[in-house]
Each structure stands twice: as C-alpha cells, then as structure tokens.
Amino acid sequence: MTHTVMLVDDHQMVRVGFRLLLESRREFEVIAEADSAESAYRTYRTVRPDLVVMDVTMAGSSGLEATHRILAFDPQARILGLSMHDDPSVARKMLQAGALGFLSKRSAPELLSVALASIAERRTYIDPAVAQGLALQQLGGPSGPIDLLSEREFEVFLHLARGLSVNRIADMLSLSPRTVGTHLYRIKQKLGVENQTELALIAVRHGLIESP
C-alpha cells in the first residue's frame, strides 16, 4: 500500500532531500509541499494527504499552529513533527499539539520512513535520541526552560528569539501588539531574562534557531 505524503518545511533543499529519500521507497508518494504553516493548512485541505511531515520551527506561524489547524479541520490527520534539534521539550509540545510522532533532522535518514510507517498505522513514534529525555521528564527529572511556556508563549518566544518586533509578531499571528507584549512579559518572567538577546541565547542553546 502506498501512502501519500505532504512535506512542510520552509527550506526548499530540505524538502527536496526528503522527497528524494521517500520516493526511493515504494510505500510513499510525495504529492504536495508547503513552505509555511499557512500554506500547509491550505494545501492539506485541498490534497488531503495520508501523512504530513511538519517542521516545528518555521518563519511565520509555527508547525504547532499548523498542526492545531489541520487537526481542527481533520481530527484523523496523521502528522510527524520534525525539528533540527532533539530537545525533548519541543518534542513534548508537538505531541501535545496532536502530532503522532517526532523526529530530529539530525537522525539517520532511514528513520524518516520508519517514523512515517509507524504513524501510518497510528502508532506513536518518537526519535530514539529524544525518547529517553522525554521519559526522564515524565519521571520528574530535569526539564528544559521552554517547558514552562504555553504553546502560544513558545510560538511568540521563537519569533522574539529571531529578533522580530512586537508589532511584526502581532501582524503575523493576528494578535494585538498589547497581547504580544503581555506574552513577552510572561516569557521573560518564566525564563528569567531581561531582553531579546538573552531569549535568542536560550533559543540557540536549545537548537531552536541557528547561531548568527
């Protein structure tokens, strides 16, 4: 049986690489691509793929927001969260958003097809490099600072860490500048920082953004 796949990532070369990887296997057919959360939602409604590979951190709205919107439209959607790092805190947020699995871009390429085969059968798949960290957190072990943030705060945090202004974030997320400012205040309080530079350092430390 062949499963149709939609790839969502704001880096074209990443999508090309994944497409080539998946199309080398008979059980997957890439039928659509999207480079943002917004286009992912629109495209999903049009093509209705069996499986979605969703980058968590993209320009504009995040993969978390896209996952919420797709699942609101189709509660049976099968989504694999994808990230450039293996921080268990981010994996947890993606799974809480409704994704059936999570995979780090640092993983061996063949794990992508393994993960997709798993969620195709509605079995949860968690990157082996991430699973242990998640298990430790479940047992009350140390958790990352971003676990303190709500999903919306996490999304605002990512944009702030990239250096975007409050007004720009408000436009992108369809929020008022005052609401974004409130999120900024709470984020600073929860993470114990004073400015955007310190937020960026936390994001770099956790692999959420690349070091400038």
Protein backbone atom coordinates (compact mmCIF):
# COMPACT_ATOMS: atom_id res chain seq x y z
CA MET A 1 0.00 0.00 0.00
CA THR A 2 1.28 3.46 -0.94
CA HIS A 3 0.77 6.36 1.48
CA THR A 4 0.56 9.91 0.14
CA VAL A 5 2.73 12.49 1.93
CA MET A 6 2.85 16.26 2.26
CA LEU A 7 6.19 17.85 3.20
CA VAL A 8 6.11 21.09 5.21
CA ASP A 9 9.40 22.94 5.69
CA ASP A 10 10.48 26.49 4.93
CA HIS A 11 13.81 25.30 3.45
CA GLN A 12 13.45 24.10 -0.12
CA MET A 13 16.59 21.96 -0.02
CA VAL A 14 15.26 20.08 3.00
CA ARG A 15 12.04 19.32 1.12
CA VAL A 16 13.99 18.20 -1.93
CA GLY A 17 16.10 15.87 0.19
CA PHE A 18 13.10 14.34 1.90
CA ARG A 19 11.25 13.96 -1.39
CA LEU A 20 14.16 12.08 -2.95
CA LEU A 21 14.50 9.92 0.13
CA LEU A 22 10.84 8.98 0.29
CA GLU A 23 10.35 8.49 -3.43
CA SER A 24 13.12 5.90 -3.39
CA ARG A 25 10.68 3.72 -1.45
CA ARG A 26 7.52 2.25 -2.94
CA GLU A 27 5.33 2.77 0.11
CA PHE A 28 5.40 6.58 -0.01
CA GLU A 29 4.38 9.13 -2.63
CA VAL A 30 5.02 12.84 -2.04
CA ILE A 31 2.02 14.64 -3.53
CA ALA A 32 2.42 18.12 -2.04
CA GLU A 33 4.85 20.53 -0.42
CA ALA A 34 4.37 23.68 1.65
CA ASP A 35 6.86 26.26 2.86
CA SER A 36 4.83 27.78 5.71
CA ALA A 37 2.20 26.95 8.29
CA GLU A 38 -0.38 28.94 6.35
CA SER A 39 0.26 27.18 3.04
CA ALA A 40 0.38 23.83 4.84
CA TYR A 41 -3.17 24.31 6.10
CA ARG A 42 -4.48 25.46 2.72
CA THR A 43 -2.73 22.66 0.86
CA TYR A 44 -3.87 19.98 3.29
CA ARG A 45 -7.49 20.95 2.77
CA THR A 46 -7.02 20.64 -1.00
CA VAL A 47 -4.98 17.45 -1.37
CA ARG A 48 -5.82 15.55 1.87
CA PRO A 49 -2.57 13.54 2.13
CA ASP A 50 -2.38 10.40 4.25
CA LEU A 51 0.66 11.68 6.16
CA VAL A 52 2.23 15.07 6.93
CA VAL A 53 5.87 15.80 7.74
CA MET A 54 5.70 19.07 9.69
CA ASP A 55 8.69 21.24 10.56
CA VAL A 56 8.16 22.69 14.04
CA THR A 57 10.02 25.98 13.70
CA MET A 58 9.30 27.93 10.52
CA ALA A 59 9.16 31.57 9.59
CA GLY A 60 5.69 32.94 10.24
CA SER A 61 3.37 30.74 12.28
CA SER A 62 5.00 27.62 13.66
CA GLY A 63 4.38 23.97 12.94
CA LEU A 64 2.49 23.85 16.23
CA GLU A 65 -0.09 26.30 14.91
CA ALA A 66 -0.36 24.45 11.60
CA THR A 67 -0.81 21.15 13.42
CA HIS A 68 -3.64 22.61 15.52
CA ARG A 69 -5.40 24.00 12.45
CA ILE A 70 -5.08 20.82 10.40
CA LEU A 71 -6.35 18.65 13.25
CA ALA A 72 -9.26 21.04 13.83
CA PHE A 73 -10.19 20.54 10.18
CA ASP A 74 -9.43 16.80 10.16
CA PRO A 75 -9.08 15.11 13.58
CA GLN A 76 -7.82 11.96 11.82
CA ALA A 77 -4.79 13.71 10.30
CA ARG A 78 -1.52 11.87 10.88
CA ILE A 79 1.32 14.32 11.47
CA LEU A 80 5.01 13.73 12.12
CA GLY A 81 6.75 16.65 13.85
CA LEU A 82 10.23 17.44 12.58
CA SER A 83 12.89 19.62 14.12
CA MET A 84 16.55 20.46 13.58
CA HIS A 85 17.34 19.51 17.15
CA ASP A 86 16.48 16.79 19.65
CA ASP A 87 15.28 18.81 22.62
CA PRO A 88 12.62 16.71 24.41
CA SER A 89 10.75 19.86 25.47
CA VAL A 90 9.96 20.73 21.86
CA ALA A 91 9.01 17.14 21.09
CA ARG A 92 6.60 17.22 24.03
CA LYS A 93 4.93 20.41 22.74
CA MET A 94 4.49 18.93 19.27
CA LEU A 95 2.98 15.73 20.66
CA GLN A 96 0.68 17.74 22.92
CA ALA A 97 -0.45 19.66 19.83
CA GLY A 98 -1.64 16.36 18.38
CA ALA A 99 1.23 15.05 16.27
CA LEU A 100 1.59 11.27 16.26
CA GLY A 101 5.36 11.38 16.16
CA PHE A 102 8.51 13.44 16.42
CA LEU A 103 11.81 13.12 14.57
CA SER A 104 15.02 15.13 14.73
CA LYS A 105 16.60 16.24 11.46
CA ARG A 106 19.86 15.01 12.95
CA SER A 107 18.61 11.43 12.87
CA ALA A 108 19.74 8.85 10.33
CA PRO A 109 17.87 9.46 7.03
CA GLU A 110 16.29 6.00 7.03
CA LEU A 111 14.42 6.82 10.24
CA LEU A 112 12.08 9.13 8.32
CA SER A 113 10.46 6.20 6.54
CA VAL A 114 10.40 4.21 9.78
CA ALA A 115 8.63 7.06 11.57
CA LEU A 116 6.11 7.55 8.75
CA ALA A 117 5.36 3.84 8.57
CA SER A 118 4.63 3.93 12.29
CA ILE A 119 2.26 6.88 12.26
CA ALA A 120 0.58 5.47 9.14
CA GLU A 121 -0.63 2.71 11.47
CA ARG A 122 -1.49 5.32 14.12
CA ARG A 123 1.36 4.18 16.34
CA THR A 124 3.29 6.92 18.13
CA TYR A 125 6.88 7.29 17.00
CA ILE A 126 9.47 9.23 18.98
CA ASP A 127 13.03 9.71 17.84
CA PRO A 128 15.25 7.37 19.92
CA ALA A 129 17.54 10.31 20.70
CA VAL A 130 14.57 12.17 22.19
CA ALA A 131 12.66 9.33 23.84
CA GLN A 132 14.99 8.98 26.82
CA GLY A 133 14.80 12.68 27.62
CA LEU A 134 11.01 12.57 27.47
CA ALA A 135 10.96 9.54 29.75
CA LEU A 136 13.14 11.31 32.31
CA GLN A 137 10.82 14.31 32.27
CA GLN A 138 7.83 12.02 32.80
CA LEU A 139 9.58 10.63 35.88
CA GLY A 140 10.07 14.11 37.26
CA GLY A 141 13.62 14.57 36.05
CA PRO A 142 15.10 17.83 34.82
CA SER A 143 13.12 19.64 32.13
CA GLY A 144 14.07 22.45 29.80
CA PRO A 145 13.10 26.06 30.43
CA ILE A 146 10.77 26.12 27.45
CA ASP A 147 8.59 23.54 29.21
CA LEU A 148 7.50 26.49 31.34
CA LEU A 149 5.94 28.22 28.33
CA SER A 150 2.44 27.69 26.99
CA GLU A 151 2.13 26.82 23.29
CA ARG A 152 1.33 30.41 22.34
CA GLU A 153 4.14 31.73 24.52
CA PHE A 154 6.50 29.25 22.88
CA GLU A 155 5.48 30.48 19.43
CA VAL A 156 6.00 34.13 20.43
CA PHE A 157 9.31 33.16 22.04
CA LEU A 158 10.58 31.70 18.75
CA HIS A 159 9.78 34.89 16.85
CA LEU A 160 11.30 37.11 19.54
CA ALA A 161 14.44 34.97 19.53
CA ARG A 162 14.73 35.61 15.78
CA GLY A 163 14.73 39.34 16.51
CA LEU A 164 11.23 40.21 15.29
CA SER A 165 9.46 43.20 16.82
CA VAL A 166 6.29 43.01 18.88
CA ASN A 167 4.32 44.73 16.11
CA ARG A 168 5.63 42.35 13.45
CA ILE A 169 4.77 39.31 15.57
CA ALA A 170 1.32 40.71 16.21
CA ASP A 171 0.72 41.02 12.46
CA MET A 172 1.99 37.52 11.76
CA LEU A 173 -0.07 35.83 14.47
CA SER A 174 -3.18 38.02 14.09
CA LEU A 175 -2.86 39.28 17.66
CA SER A 176 -2.86 42.78 19.10
CA PRO A 177 0.53 44.29 19.99
CA ARG A 178 -0.72 44.54 23.57
CA THR A 179 -1.38 40.78 23.69
CA VAL A 180 2.07 40.03 22.28
CA GLY A 181 3.56 42.44 24.82
CA THR A 182 1.81 40.53 27.60
CA HIS A 183 3.23 37.27 26.27
CA LEU A 184 6.69 38.87 26.15
CA TYR A 185 6.41 39.94 29.79
CA ARG A 186 5.36 36.44 30.88
CA ILE A 187 8.10 34.80 28.82
CA LYS A 188 10.75 37.00 30.42
CA GLN A 189 9.38 36.23 33.87
CA LYS A 190 9.26 32.48 33.29
CA LEU A 191 12.70 32.26 31.71
CA GLY A 192 14.37 34.79 34.00
CA VAL A 193 15.69 37.02 31.22
CA GLU A 194 15.63 40.76 30.63
CA ASN A 195 15.82 41.24 26.86
CA GLN A 196 15.54 39.65 23.42
CA THR A 197 19.26 38.97 23.23
CA GLU A 198 19.01 36.65 26.22
CA LEU A 199 15.96 34.98 24.65
CA ALA A 200 17.98 34.40 21.49
CA LEU A 201 20.78 32.81 23.51
CA ILE A 202 18.33 30.37 25.08
CA ALA A 203 16.93 29.52 21.65
CA VAL A 204 20.42 28.92 20.24
CA ARG A 205 21.39 26.82 23.27
CA HIS A 206 18.40 24.57 22.69
CA GLY A 207 18.92 24.38 18.94
CA LEU A 208 15.73 26.23 18.12
CA ILE A 209 17.49 28.78 15.93
CA GLU A 210 20.90 28.81 14.33
CA SER A 211 23.68 30.89 15.83
CA PRO A 212 24.18 34.10 13.83
